[in-house]
Amino acid sequence: MNTEFVFLWLATLLPIVISPGPANILYAASGSSFGVKGTVPFWLATNITSVFQTLAVGFGLNFLISTYPQIADMMKYMGIIFLLYLAFKFFKMSNTLKETLAPLTFK
């Protein structure tokens, strides 16, 4: 691999990694509500997910999707269904959220 591309990749990735994205804001909110011990499972879950996503891309998911475009369509529709499921769960959620509040975990 060309070292110029590695440095370009690092220069692109560094601001993304250190910027306060949604996960970092959730870590801060969870940490202030539940402490470090209650936030560690959530932190582990998000980082393990990132590792699996990176491995999938590294092992050729892009090649698989470009070879079989039906897979990309299937993933898109599965994502739409999942977002609709989350919206349904969100609107069905009770108003007494404070009583059932618990740390985010793998569950």
Protein backbone atom coordinates (compact mmCIF):
# COMPACT_ATOMS: atom_id res chain seq x y z
CA MET A 1 0.00 0.00 0.00
CA ASN A 2 1.22 3.46 -0.84
CA THR A 3 2.18 5.45 2.27
CA GLU A 4 0.68 8.59 0.75
CA PHE A 5 -2.75 6.94 0.81
CA VAL A 6 -2.24 5.80 4.40
CA PHE A 7 -1.51 9.37 5.52
CA LEU A 8 -4.47 10.66 3.51
CA TRP A 9 -6.69 8.01 5.11
CA LEU A 10 -5.46 8.94 8.60
CA ALA A 11 -5.95 12.65 7.92
CA THR A 12 -9.52 11.96 6.84
CA LEU A 13 -10.30 9.60 9.69
CA LEU A 14 -8.78 11.58 12.57
CA PRO A 15 -11.39 14.40 12.66
CA ILE A 16 -14.17 11.84 12.44
CA VAL A 17 -12.80 9.84 15.36
CA ILE A 18 -12.16 12.77 17.71
CA SER A 19 -15.28 14.79 16.91
CA PRO A 20 -18.19 14.55 19.35
CA GLY A 21 -20.57 12.39 17.40
CA PRO A 22 -23.79 10.79 18.60
CA ALA A 23 -22.03 7.92 20.37
CA ASN A 24 -19.73 10.26 22.31
CA ILE A 25 -22.70 12.35 23.40
CA LEU A 26 -24.54 9.19 24.50
CA TYR A 27 -21.43 8.07 26.42
CA ALA A 28 -21.37 11.40 28.26
CA ALA A 29 -25.09 11.27 29.05
CA SER A 30 -24.93 7.65 30.18
CA GLY A 31 -21.81 8.31 32.22
CA SER A 32 -23.40 11.24 34.03
CA SER A 33 -26.55 9.22 34.76
CA PHE A 34 -25.12 5.80 35.59
CA GLY A 35 -21.40 6.29 36.17
CA VAL A 36 -18.50 4.51 34.51
CA LYS A 37 -19.60 1.04 35.61
CA GLY A 38 -23.05 1.44 34.05
CA THR A 39 -21.65 2.91 30.82
CA VAL A 40 -18.95 0.31 30.07
CA PRO A 41 -21.36 -2.28 28.54
CA PHE A 42 -22.74 0.35 26.17
CA TRP A 43 -19.23 1.48 25.25
CA LEU A 44 -18.20 -2.13 24.58
CA ALA A 45 -21.27 -2.77 22.43
CA THR A 46 -20.66 0.25 20.20
CA ASN A 47 -16.97 -0.51 19.79
CA ILE A 48 -17.51 -4.21 19.05
CA THR A 49 -20.09 -3.21 16.44
CA SER A 50 -17.55 -0.87 14.84
CA VAL A 51 -15.00 -3.69 14.71
CA PHE A 52 -17.47 -5.99 12.93
CA GLN A 53 -18.41 -3.27 10.44
CA THR A 54 -14.75 -2.57 9.70
CA LEU A 55 -14.01 -6.28 9.25
CA ALA A 56 -16.98 -6.66 6.89
CA VAL A 57 -15.72 -3.83 4.71
CA GLY A 58 -12.15 -5.08 4.92
CA PHE A 59 -13.09 -8.58 3.84
CA GLY A 60 -14.83 -7.47 0.69
CA LEU A 61 -18.40 -6.47 1.41
CA ASN A 62 -18.00 -3.75 -1.22
CA PHE A 63 -16.90 -6.33 -3.80
CA LEU A 64 -19.84 -8.55 -2.89
CA ILE A 65 -22.33 -5.70 -3.20
CA SER A 66 -20.87 -4.47 -6.50
CA THR A 67 -20.98 -8.01 -7.89
CA TYR A 68 -24.53 -8.69 -6.65
CA PRO A 69 -26.49 -5.41 -6.47
CA GLN A 70 -29.51 -7.29 -5.12
CA ILE A 71 -27.68 -7.56 -1.79
CA ALA A 72 -27.51 -3.76 -1.54
CA ASP A 73 -31.24 -3.51 -2.24
CA MET A 74 -31.98 -6.19 0.34
CA MET A 75 -29.86 -4.38 2.95
CA LYS A 76 -31.61 -1.09 2.13
CA TYR A 77 -35.07 -2.59 2.61
CA MET A 78 -34.01 -4.35 5.81
CA GLY A 79 -32.75 -0.99 7.10
CA ILE A 80 -36.06 0.68 6.24
CA ILE A 81 -37.99 -2.04 8.06
CA PHE A 82 -35.73 -1.72 11.09
CA LEU A 83 -36.15 2.08 11.20
CA LEU A 84 -39.93 1.69 10.98
CA TYR A 85 -39.77 -0.84 13.84
CA LEU A 86 -37.73 1.61 15.94
CA ALA A 87 -40.21 4.41 15.18
CA PHE A 88 -43.09 2.16 16.20
CA LYS A 89 -41.36 1.23 19.46
CA PHE A 90 -40.55 4.90 20.13
CA PHE A 91 -44.13 6.09 19.70
CA LYS A 92 -45.49 3.15 21.70
CA MET A 93 -43.10 3.89 24.59
CA SER A 94 -44.66 4.88 27.89
CA ASN A 95 -44.48 8.41 29.22
CA THR A 96 -43.05 7.23 32.54
CA LEU A 97 -39.56 6.83 31.16
CA LYS A 98 -37.81 8.00 34.34
CA GLU A 99 -39.22 5.06 36.32
CA THR A 100 -37.91 2.45 33.89
CA LEU A 101 -34.58 4.14 33.10
CA ALA A 102 -31.61 1.73 33.13
CA PRO A 103 -28.07 1.75 31.73
CA LEU A 104 -27.65 0.85 28.05
CA THR A 105 -26.26 -2.68 27.62
CA PHE A 106 -25.98 -5.51 25.07
CA LYS A 107 -29.65 -6.48 25.62
